[in-house]
Protein backbone atom coordinates (compact mmCIF):
# COMPACT_ATOMS: atom_id res chain seq x y z
CA MET A 1 132.51 299.30 200.51
CA THR A 2 133.21 301.24 197.35
CA ALA A 3 136.07 301.16 195.36
CA LEU A 4 138.90 303.58 195.45
CA SER A 5 138.28 306.86 194.17
CA VAL A 6 140.39 307.92 191.16
CA SER A 7 141.88 310.67 193.22
CA ASN A 8 143.73 307.84 195.17
CA ALA A 9 147.05 307.12 193.92
CA VAL A 10 148.22 303.68 193.07
CA ALA A 11 151.64 302.30 193.28
CA VAL A 12 153.29 299.12 191.67
CA ILE A 13 156.07 297.73 192.51
CA GLY A 14 157.83 295.50 189.96
CA ALA A 15 158.46 296.76 186.47
CA GLY A 16 158.02 293.40 184.71
CA THR A 17 155.70 292.10 182.18
CA MET A 18 152.68 291.64 184.84
CA GLY A 19 153.76 294.61 186.86
CA ALA A 20 153.81 297.24 183.80
CA GLY A 21 150.19 295.64 182.68
CA ILE A 22 148.75 296.14 185.98
CA VAL A 23 150.05 300.08 185.62
CA GLN A 24 148.58 300.30 182.73
CA VAL A 25 145.59 299.13 184.05
CA ALA A 26 145.53 301.25 186.93
CA ALA A 27 146.63 304.51 184.95
CA THR A 28 143.56 303.89 182.18
CA ALA A 29 141.54 303.86 185.01
CA GLY A 30 142.57 307.27 186.04
CA HIS A 31 144.41 306.99 188.90
CA SER A 32 148.17 308.51 189.56
CA VAL A 33 150.48 305.33 189.27
CA TYR A 34 153.84 305.25 191.08
CA LEU A 35 155.74 302.71 189.30
CA PHE A 36 159.25 301.13 191.36
CA ASP A 37 161.46 298.83 190.54
CA THR A 38 165.32 298.53 191.51
CA SER A 39 166.27 298.50 188.30
CA GLU A 40 166.25 301.58 185.92
CA ALA A 41 166.26 299.66 182.74
CA ALA A 42 163.32 297.66 184.03
CA ILE A 43 161.39 300.51 184.41
CA ASP A 44 162.49 301.46 180.77
CA ARG A 45 161.39 297.91 179.62
CA GLY A 46 157.87 298.46 181.69
CA ILE A 47 157.11 301.93 179.98
CA THR A 48 158.07 300.73 176.74
CA GLN A 49 155.80 298.11 176.77
CA ILE A 50 152.87 300.02 178.32
CA GLU A 51 153.52 302.44 175.10
CA GLU A 52 153.53 299.98 172.57
CA PHE A 53 150.26 298.33 173.63
CA LEU A 54 148.45 301.42 173.79
CA LYS A 55 150.11 302.84 170.57
CA LYS A 56 148.49 299.77 169.06
CA SER A 57 145.04 300.33 170.38
CA VAL A 58 145.33 304.01 168.81
CA VAL A 59 146.01 302.40 165.54
CA LYS A 60 143.21 300.15 166.10
CA GLY A 61 140.82 302.68 167.02
CA ARG A 62 140.56 301.60 170.47
CA LEU A 63 141.95 304.77 172.22
CA GLU A 64 142.12 308.24 171.11
CA GLU A 65 145.62 309.89 170.83
CA SER A 66 145.20 312.16 173.64
CA GLN A 67 143.97 309.33 175.82
CA CYS A 68 147.21 307.16 175.11
CA THR A 69 148.85 310.50 175.92
CA ALA A 70 146.65 311.26 179.39
CA ILE A 71 147.40 307.35 180.63
CA LEU A 72 151.12 307.81 180.22
CA ALA A 73 151.12 311.33 181.78
CA ARG A 74 149.62 309.44 184.90
CA ILE A 75 152.41 307.06 185.56
CA HIS A 76 155.37 308.26 187.75
CA ARG A 77 159.26 306.67 187.31
CA CYS A 78 160.15 305.74 191.11
CA ASN A 79 163.45 304.58 192.05
CA LYS A 80 162.90 304.72 196.03
CA LEU A 81 160.49 303.12 198.18
CA GLU A 82 159.62 306.80 199.41
CA ASP A 83 158.15 307.97 196.50
CA LEU A 84 155.52 305.68 196.79
CA ALA A 85 154.41 307.56 199.95
CA PRO A 86 151.06 309.08 198.43
CA ALA A 87 149.56 305.62 197.30
CA LYS A 88 146.69 304.55 199.02
CA LEU A 89 146.57 300.84 197.06
CA VAL A 90 149.90 299.46 196.32
CA ILE A 91 150.43 296.31 194.61
CA GLU A 92 153.49 294.14 194.96
CA ALA A 93 154.35 292.19 191.61
CA ILE A 94 158.00 290.94 191.96
CA VAL A 95 159.81 287.79 192.35
CA GLU A 96 158.25 284.78 194.07
CA ASN A 97 160.14 284.28 197.26
CA ILE A 98 158.32 285.20 200.32
CA ASP A 99 161.50 286.80 202.23
CA VAL A 100 161.90 289.11 199.41
CA LYS A 101 157.95 289.98 199.59
CA ARG A 102 158.11 290.39 203.43
CA SER A 103 160.93 292.75 203.36
CA VAL A 104 159.31 294.96 200.85
CA PHE A 105 156.07 295.05 202.94
CA GLY A 106 157.92 295.49 206.12
CA GLU A 107 159.31 298.73 204.91
CA LEU A 108 156.33 300.07 203.09
CA GLU A 109 154.17 299.85 206.38
CA ASN A 110 156.81 302.48 207.80
CA ILE A 111 156.55 304.63 204.69
CA LEU A 112 152.64 304.31 203.57
CA SER A 113 149.71 305.88 205.35
CA GLU A 114 147.93 303.58 208.28
CA ASP A 115 145.34 303.34 205.84
CA ALA A 116 146.83 302.45 203.03
CA ILE A 117 145.90 298.78 201.73
CA LEU A 118 149.06 296.33 200.54
CA THR A 119 148.30 293.71 198.05
CA SER A 120 150.32 291.13 196.26
CA ASN A 121 149.92 289.65 192.86
CA THR A 122 151.75 286.24 194.03
CA SER A 123 149.89 283.41 192.45
CA SER A 124 151.09 280.90 194.53
CA ILE A 125 152.55 282.24 198.15
CA SER A 126 150.39 282.36 201.08
CA ILE A 127 148.71 285.72 201.86
CA THR A 128 148.51 284.83 205.35
CA GLU A 129 152.23 283.79 205.42
CA ILE A 130 153.53 287.22 203.77
CA ALA A 131 151.10 289.17 206.32
CA ALA A 132 152.04 287.44 209.52
CA GLN A 133 155.16 289.71 210.08
CA LEU A 134 153.10 292.89 209.28
CA LYS A 135 152.59 295.45 211.99
CA ARG A 136 148.85 295.79 210.27
CA PRO A 137 148.23 292.42 208.41
CA GLU A 138 144.58 292.99 208.36
CA ARG A 139 145.21 295.59 205.55
CA MET A 140 147.24 292.79 203.53
CA VAL A 141 145.15 291.37 200.41
CA GLY A 142 146.23 289.01 197.38
CA MET A 143 145.39 290.70 194.39
CA HIS A 144 145.79 288.32 191.58
CA PHE A 145 146.12 289.59 187.83
CA PHE A 146 146.19 287.20 184.62
CA ASN A 147 148.76 287.78 182.14
CA PRO A 148 148.40 289.78 179.93
CA ALA A 149 146.85 292.34 182.60
CA PRO A 150 145.23 294.37 180.58
CA ILE A 151 143.71 291.94 178.48
CA MET A 152 142.61 289.13 180.82
CA LYS A 153 139.66 289.89 182.98
CA LEU A 154 140.21 287.88 185.94
CA VAL A 155 141.36 289.57 189.55
CA GLU A 156 141.24 286.62 192.43
CA VAL A 157 140.77 288.95 195.50
CA ILE A 158 142.68 286.74 197.95
CA HIS A 159 141.56 286.96 201.59
CA GLY A 160 144.57 286.05 204.37
CA LEU A 161 143.47 284.38 207.88
CA VAL A 162 143.31 288.02 209.16
CA THR A 163 142.51 290.17 206.22
CA ASP A 164 139.87 292.67 206.97
CA ARG A 165 136.63 291.91 204.94
CA GLN A 166 135.96 295.44 204.47
CA VAL A 167 139.30 295.90 202.87
CA ALA A 168 138.81 292.84 200.55
CA ASP A 169 136.11 294.59 199.40
CA ILE A 170 137.25 297.67 198.78
CA VAL A 171 139.98 295.77 196.46
CA PHE A 172 137.33 293.88 194.96
CA ASP A 173 135.22 296.79 194.27
CA THR A 174 138.45 298.36 192.74
CA ALA A 175 139.24 295.79 190.43
CA VAL A 176 135.58 296.17 189.31
CA ALA A 177 135.82 299.76 188.46
CA TRP A 178 138.88 298.94 186.69
CA GLY A 179 136.64 296.74 184.28
CA LYS A 180 137.75 293.38 185.79
CA LYS A 181 135.83 290.15 187.12
CA ALA A 182 136.80 289.77 190.47
CA VAL A 183 135.99 286.70 192.87
CA HIS A 184 136.72 286.50 196.31
CA ALA A 185 139.07 283.49 197.60
CA LYS A 186 140.35 282.26 200.87
CA SER A 187 144.35 282.06 200.79
CA THR A 188 144.77 278.32 199.97
CA PRO A 189 147.19 276.83 197.64
CA GLY A 190 146.63 277.40 194.08
CA PHE A 191 143.79 279.99 194.94
CA ILE A 192 141.07 279.28 192.55
CA VAL A 193 142.24 279.16 189.07
CA ASN A 194 145.79 276.98 189.63
CA ARG A 195 144.00 274.71 191.72
CA VAL A 196 140.89 273.81 189.71
CA ALA A 197 142.89 274.25 186.51
CA ARG A 198 145.29 271.22 187.31
CA PRO A 199 143.54 268.17 186.20
CA PHE A 200 143.40 269.86 182.39
CA TYR A 201 146.81 269.20 182.61
CA SER A 202 147.11 266.21 184.68
CA GLU A 203 144.31 264.02 183.05
CA ALA A 204 145.78 264.73 179.66
CA LEU A 205 149.25 263.64 180.74
CA ARG A 206 147.71 260.61 182.62
CA ILE A 207 145.77 259.65 179.41
CA LEU A 208 148.75 259.93 177.26
CA GLN A 209 151.14 258.22 179.84
CA GLU A 210 148.48 255.19 179.28
CA GLY A 211 148.52 255.16 175.66
CA GLY A 212 144.71 256.19 175.44
CA ALA A 213 145.56 258.62 172.56
CA ASP A 214 148.43 260.54 171.29
CA ILE A 215 149.06 264.29 172.00
CA PRO A 216 147.69 265.71 168.62
CA THR A 217 144.23 263.81 168.71
CA ILE A 218 143.69 264.89 172.80
CA ASP A 219 144.47 268.46 171.78
CA SER A 220 141.92 268.30 168.89
CA CYS A 221 139.34 266.58 170.77
CA ILE A 222 139.66 268.91 173.67
CA LYS A 223 138.96 272.06 171.01
CA GLU A 224 136.98 270.70 168.68
CA SER A 225 134.45 268.72 170.85
CA GLY A 226 135.36 270.52 174.37
CA GLY A 227 134.99 274.05 173.13
CA PHE A 228 138.49 275.02 174.69
CA ARG A 229 140.57 277.25 172.70
CA MET A 230 143.84 275.29 173.38
CA GLY A 231 144.90 271.93 173.96
CA PRO A 232 146.56 271.01 177.32
CA PHE A 233 149.43 270.13 175.56
CA GLU A 234 149.57 273.22 173.37
CA LEU A 235 148.94 275.42 176.51
CA MET A 236 151.85 273.80 178.54
CA ASP A 237 153.87 274.79 175.76
CA LEU A 238 152.08 278.24 175.92
CA ILE A 239 153.09 278.61 179.34
CA GLY A 240 156.32 276.71 179.62
CA ASN A 241 156.68 272.86 180.68
CA ASP A 242 159.35 274.34 183.78
CA ILE A 243 156.33 276.83 185.01
CA ASN A 244 153.86 274.42 184.45
CA PHE A 245 155.06 271.49 185.91
CA SER A 246 156.41 273.78 188.87
CA VAL A 247 153.15 275.09 189.58
CA THR A 248 151.77 271.37 189.76
CA LYS A 249 154.70 270.34 192.39
CA SER A 250 154.15 273.22 194.37
CA VAL A 251 150.16 272.72 194.67
CA TYR A 252 151.22 268.93 195.47
CA ASN A 253 153.76 269.68 198.34
CA ALA A 254 151.04 272.55 199.28
CA TYR A 255 148.54 270.15 199.84
CA PHE A 256 150.94 267.41 201.88
CA GLN A 257 151.30 265.44 198.43
CA GLU A 258 147.19 265.08 198.13
CA PRO A 259 146.68 262.51 194.73
CA ARG A 260 144.81 264.81 192.65
CA TYR A 261 148.04 267.13 192.12
CA ARG A 262 150.19 264.65 191.58
CA PRO A 263 152.69 265.64 189.34
CA SER A 264 153.36 263.87 185.88
CA LEU A 265 156.61 261.78 184.99
CA ILE A 266 156.33 263.00 181.20
CA GLN A 267 156.16 266.51 182.12
CA GLN A 268 159.45 266.05 184.39
CA GLU A 269 161.05 264.58 181.47
CA GLN A 270 160.00 266.92 179.17
CA VAL A 271 161.27 269.44 181.69
CA ALA A 272 164.80 267.49 182.15
CA ALA A 273 165.76 267.49 178.49
CA GLY A 274 165.16 271.17 178.35
CA ARG A 275 162.04 271.09 176.48
CA PHE A 276 160.25 273.72 177.71
CA GLY A 277 157.58 274.71 175.15
CA ARG A 278 157.61 277.61 172.50
CA LYS A 279 160.09 279.73 174.53
CA SER A 280 162.51 276.41 173.88
CA GLY A 281 161.70 275.55 170.47
CA GLN A 282 160.43 271.93 171.34
CA GLY A 283 158.33 270.82 173.97
CA TYR A 284 155.21 268.58 173.13
CA TYR A 285 155.22 270.09 169.68
CA ASP A 286 158.37 271.03 167.43
CA TYR A 287 158.24 274.95 166.94
CA ARG A 288 161.55 275.13 165.06
CA ALA A 289 161.77 276.08 161.40
CA GLY A 290 160.28 273.61 159.13
CA ALA A 291 159.00 271.50 161.57
CA ILE A 292 155.97 269.19 161.05
CA ASN A 293 154.03 268.33 163.72
CA PRO A 294 151.66 265.13 163.76
CA GLU A 295 148.15 265.36 162.74
CA PRO A 296 145.08 264.02 164.99
CA ASN A 297 144.04 260.46 164.30
CA THR A 298 140.89 260.59 162.08
CA ALA A 299 138.79 257.59 160.88
CA ASP A 300 138.66 257.14 157.25
CA THR A 301 135.42 257.86 155.85
CA VAL A 302 133.09 254.59 155.91
CA LYS A 303 129.23 253.57 155.26
CA ALA A 304 126.35 255.79 157.08
CA PRO A 305 123.61 253.66 158.37
CA LYS A 306 119.93 254.21 157.34
CA SER A 307 118.08 253.97 160.82
CA ILE A 308 118.99 254.44 164.22
CA THR A 309 117.26 253.73 167.65
CA GLN A 310 117.59 256.75 170.50
CA ILE A 311 118.42 255.19 173.66
CA GLY A 312 116.98 257.22 176.26
CA GLU A 313 115.99 260.90 176.48
CA ASN A 314 119.12 262.97 177.55
CA PRO A 315 118.79 266.12 176.36
CA LEU A 316 122.49 266.38 175.88
CA LEU A 317 121.89 264.60 172.47
CA LEU A 318 119.08 266.19 171.46
CA PRO A 319 121.08 267.93 168.70
CA LEU A 320 122.52 264.60 167.69
CA THR A 321 119.19 263.18 166.65
CA GLU A 322 118.20 265.92 165.16
CA LEU A 323 121.62 265.91 162.75
CA ALA A 324 120.39 262.67 162.33
CA LYS A 325 116.80 263.05 161.03
CA THR A 326 118.50 266.18 158.60
CA ALA A 327 121.15 263.32 157.44
CA GLY A 328 117.84 261.54 156.37
CA ILE A 329 118.48 258.43 158.98
CA THR A 330 115.31 257.10 160.38
CA VAL A 331 115.53 257.37 164.32
CA LYS A 332 113.27 255.43 166.41
CA LEU A 333 113.01 255.97 170.65
CA GLU A 334 113.84 253.28 173.04
CA ILE A 335 113.81 253.90 176.92
CA VAL A 336 116.26 251.68 178.77
CA GLU A 337 116.93 252.75 182.26
CA ASN A 338 120.73 254.46 182.93
CA LEU A 339 121.59 254.40 179.29
CA SER A 340 122.04 257.21 176.81
CA GLY A 341 122.82 256.79 173.29
CA PHE A 342 121.90 254.72 170.26
CA ARG A 343 121.32 251.61 168.93
CA ILE A 344 122.21 250.45 165.25
CA ASP A 345 121.08 246.59 164.78
CA ASP A 346 122.70 244.82 167.91
CA THR A 347 125.41 247.70 168.16
CA LEU A 348 125.33 249.84 171.52
CA ILE A 349 126.75 253.34 170.89
CA LEU A 350 126.72 254.87 174.30
CA LEU A 351 127.61 258.11 175.76
CA THR A 352 130.39 257.57 178.25
CA ASP A 353 129.84 257.33 182.04
CA GLY A 354 133.19 256.28 182.84
CA THR A 355 132.59 252.74 182.51
CA THR A 356 134.91 251.41 179.85
CA ALA A 357 133.42 250.14 176.79
CA SER A 358 134.57 246.60 177.25
CA GLU A 359 132.99 246.67 180.60
CA MET A 360 129.82 247.72 179.21
CA THR A 361 130.16 244.91 176.73
CA GLY A 362 130.09 242.57 179.26
CA PHE A 363 127.50 243.70 181.46
CA LEU A 364 124.93 244.16 178.87
CA GLY A 365 126.05 241.08 176.34
CA LYS A 366 126.14 243.31 173.59
CA PRO A 367 128.92 245.17 171.59
CA VAL A 368 129.39 248.77 173.13
CA ILE A 369 130.90 251.83 171.57
CA VAL A 370 131.30 254.93 173.87
CA PHE A 371 131.68 258.34 172.87
CA ASP A 372 132.92 261.31 174.51
CA LEU A 373 131.17 264.45 175.75
CA ALA A 374 130.87 267.54 173.62
CA LEU A 375 130.21 271.30 174.79
CA ASP A 376 127.40 271.32 171.67
CA TYR A 377 127.09 268.35 169.72
CA ARG A 378 125.77 270.56 167.30
CA ALA A 379 128.60 272.47 166.49
CA ALA A 380 131.55 269.91 167.37
CA SER A 381 133.21 268.76 164.63
CA ARG A 382 134.96 265.76 166.20
CA ILE A 383 134.13 263.30 168.41
CA ALA A 384 136.33 260.48 170.28
CA LEU A 385 134.97 257.06 170.14
CA ALA A 386 136.04 253.85 171.91
CA LYS A 387 135.14 250.00 171.53
CA GLY A 388 135.44 247.31 173.78
CA ASP A 389 138.30 244.84 173.52
CA GLN A 390 136.30 242.17 172.78
CA VAL A 391 134.29 244.38 170.11
CA SER A 392 134.79 243.93 166.37
CA ASP A 393 136.07 246.66 164.17
CA LYS A 394 132.81 245.90 162.01
CA ASN A 395 130.92 247.35 164.92
CA LEU A 396 133.31 250.08 165.16
CA GLU A 397 132.56 250.94 161.71
CA ILE A 398 128.77 251.49 162.44
CA ALA A 399 129.57 253.78 164.80
CA VAL A 400 131.82 255.64 162.55
CA GLY A 401 129.79 256.12 160.04
CA PHE A 402 126.92 257.25 162.06
CA PHE A 403 128.90 260.68 163.49
CA GLN A 404 130.47 260.77 160.08
CA THR A 405 126.99 261.08 158.56
CA LEU A 406 126.39 264.10 161.11
CA GLY A 407 129.45 265.72 159.76
CA LYS A 408 131.53 264.67 162.33
CA LYS A 409 135.56 263.70 162.35
CA VAL A 410 135.86 260.84 164.22
CA SER A 411 139.21 260.28 166.45
CA VAL A 412 138.76 256.29 167.50
CA ILE A 413 140.95 255.99 170.74
CA ASP A 414 141.78 253.61 173.02
CA ASP A 415 139.35 251.98 175.81
CA CYS A 416 140.07 254.12 178.69
CA PRO A 417 137.74 255.36 181.16
CA ALA A 418 135.56 258.25 180.37
CA LEU A 419 137.35 259.17 177.39
CA ILE A 420 138.99 262.71 176.95
CA VAL A 421 136.52 265.49 177.09
CA MET A 422 134.18 264.04 179.62
CA ARG A 423 137.07 262.75 181.79
CA ILE A 424 138.75 265.98 182.23
CA VAL A 425 135.36 268.17 182.66
CA SER A 426 134.14 265.83 185.37
CA MET A 427 137.57 266.29 187.22
CA LEU A 428 137.48 269.80 186.84
CA ALA A 429 133.90 270.35 187.89
CA ASN A 430 135.21 267.58 190.87
CA GLU A 431 138.11 270.05 191.68
CA GLY A 432 136.04 273.36 191.76
CA GLY A 433 133.49 271.36 194.13
CA ASP A 434 136.05 270.87 196.53
CA ALA A 435 137.24 274.63 196.39
CA VAL A 436 133.55 275.30 197.50
CA TYR A 437 132.97 272.68 199.86
CA GLN A 438 136.12 273.84 201.58
CA GLY A 439 135.24 277.24 201.84
CA VAL A 440 137.76 278.88 199.16
CA THR A 441 135.14 280.33 196.86
CA SER A 442 131.13 280.31 195.62
CA PRO A 443 130.22 278.33 192.88
CA GLU A 444 129.73 281.25 190.93
CA GLY A 445 133.30 282.26 192.03
CA VAL A 446 134.63 279.17 190.22
CA ASP A 447 133.16 279.46 187.15
CA ILE A 448 133.79 283.33 186.84
CA ALA A 449 137.37 282.66 187.68
CA MET A 450 137.75 279.70 184.97
CA VAL A 451 135.96 281.54 182.46
CA ASN A 452 137.82 284.50 182.65
CA GLY A 453 141.14 283.51 183.95
CA VAL A 454 141.50 280.94 181.72
CA ASN A 455 139.43 281.32 178.96
CA TYR A 456 137.38 278.04 179.38
CA PRO A 457 134.44 277.79 177.31
CA LYS A 458 132.08 277.16 179.96
CA GLY A 459 132.30 277.35 183.97
CA PRO A 460 132.91 273.63 185.24
CA MET A 461 129.88 274.01 187.86
CA ALA A 462 127.77 275.24 185.43
CA TRP A 463 128.89 272.34 182.92
CA ALA A 464 128.38 269.94 185.41
CA GLU A 465 124.62 270.88 186.32
CA GLU A 466 123.92 270.80 182.37
CA ILE A 467 125.56 267.33 181.72
CA GLY A 468 123.80 266.40 185.16
CA LEU A 469 125.01 266.09 188.48
CA GLU A 470 124.09 262.36 188.61
CA HIS A 471 126.26 261.54 185.68
CA ILE A 472 129.26 263.54 186.72
CA GLU A 473 129.20 261.33 190.21
CA MET A 474 128.83 258.27 187.94
CA VAL A 475 132.14 258.95 185.83
CA LEU A 476 133.95 259.77 188.79
CA SER A 477 132.86 256.51 190.64
CA ALA A 478 133.78 254.79 187.71
CA LEU A 479 137.21 256.20 187.41
CA GLU A 480 137.57 255.74 191.00
CA SER A 481 136.33 251.98 190.67
CA PHE A 482 138.70 251.51 187.51
CA TYR A 483 142.22 252.80 189.17
CA GLY A 484 141.54 252.09 192.87
CA GLU A 485 142.77 255.60 193.55
CA ASP A 486 141.88 258.53 195.72
CA ARG A 487 142.49 260.88 192.81
CA TYR A 488 139.16 260.08 191.62
CA ARG A 489 137.36 260.37 194.85
CA THR A 490 134.07 262.51 194.41
CA SER A 491 133.61 265.75 195.88
CA PRO A 492 131.12 265.68 198.95
CA LEU A 493 129.71 268.89 197.68
CA ILE A 494 128.89 266.85 194.52
CA ARG A 495 127.47 263.90 196.41
CA ARG A 496 125.40 265.34 198.43
CA ALA A 497 123.95 267.52 195.75
CA VAL A 498 122.97 264.08 194.19
CA THR A 499 121.76 262.57 197.26
CA ALA A 500 119.14 265.88 198.01
CA GLY A 501 118.37 266.22 194.27
CA LYS A 502 119.49 269.99 194.90
CA SER A 503 121.55 272.04 192.96
CA ILE A 504 125.44 273.00 193.17
CA ILE A 505 125.07 276.65 191.89
């Protein structure tokens, strides 16, 4: 299959923010684009949005003035569906209402040529269900862009139950020709991104609800240790808590109340209070003029150790050992089965495997401090620690001093299982694993989608491999044991890979 030729016209239905962005993408790629909306004012706003974006690109030197003029000349305003007759590809970007979408596509089938491809930019409605009443349902595909469409690289190409694979491949290749990162996905609730991303929000909300850490500390650890561009609470405020809560409820109900997608009472309260985030002025943070938001929990500076013993040879921790040596700390090595971390005198400072520090202290008979995952321990500027309930503050200070000597800010949080980054990344990998196991997409598709659709620092499948699938399985098993909930069951994909000693990518 090949992409649509630029000689083929494209139609976009809906001149809102997303629709206008898609128009810009197609016109920039060289297609004549027909923009339809029932509102002339909406078309005006859409064209203005495109003009302003292109003008900024000219000012920044990314476009020539002549290119800007040519792109705008390829956009045609339409106020009747009949005007879309020349189009070979139609992208619908209107209200998320299946009856409205079906009605529009039903009319289009009587206007367009039989070889035209119909696509929907829906983020939540089944492509199979939209296509079910069409004359040519095999020519219906999901083409899910991410906002803002001219900037965000990902396009999810969604296959309905009867979608012709060749048709989906044309849409895929067209998206690639437009400069996008395309991924194939089966039509299931949430597709890839909106499904796999749920733990990023839900686990953060659960940590907050249980008093594991406060909002700024969770967000700071996710950014400064996990390498994410935004923390979950910042991102929910940006998206809109009403929208994020609605998506979570939609996925939860679409999967027949699957426990992994259960909505949060905290977010429900935020929505009930009208605290939607940036757009309402208040959410998890206060965006009103003069507002002062709390800082993350950061430990006071304490004395640094002179020597440490590295426990195990986990390659993830090599940067910490190198930083310790650079800081003048003497490092010895001790091999202890199934433990990764450090020992200072009788204090064990261990990489979390999901087991709480309190449980580890009981098992090992020594004071245990657990520390969180980092995307890159050398680059991370903050590390979360938790001590066992029976461990003294003196033992905690030893661990705090160690990480501070390595140049890290330290956030001491409650002894919650798997801490913050490890817990969220493990659950993201688990959700990605289930999407792969259930045939929604490939492991590569998960990683491409999450990196290019929501700017994750690393694809969750590749990240799980880097951490070690055995370690991910231990984290998930510990969470399931601690809570006794099906929410934390390990994906069969991960379990089988660990059993067979194979990769998942």
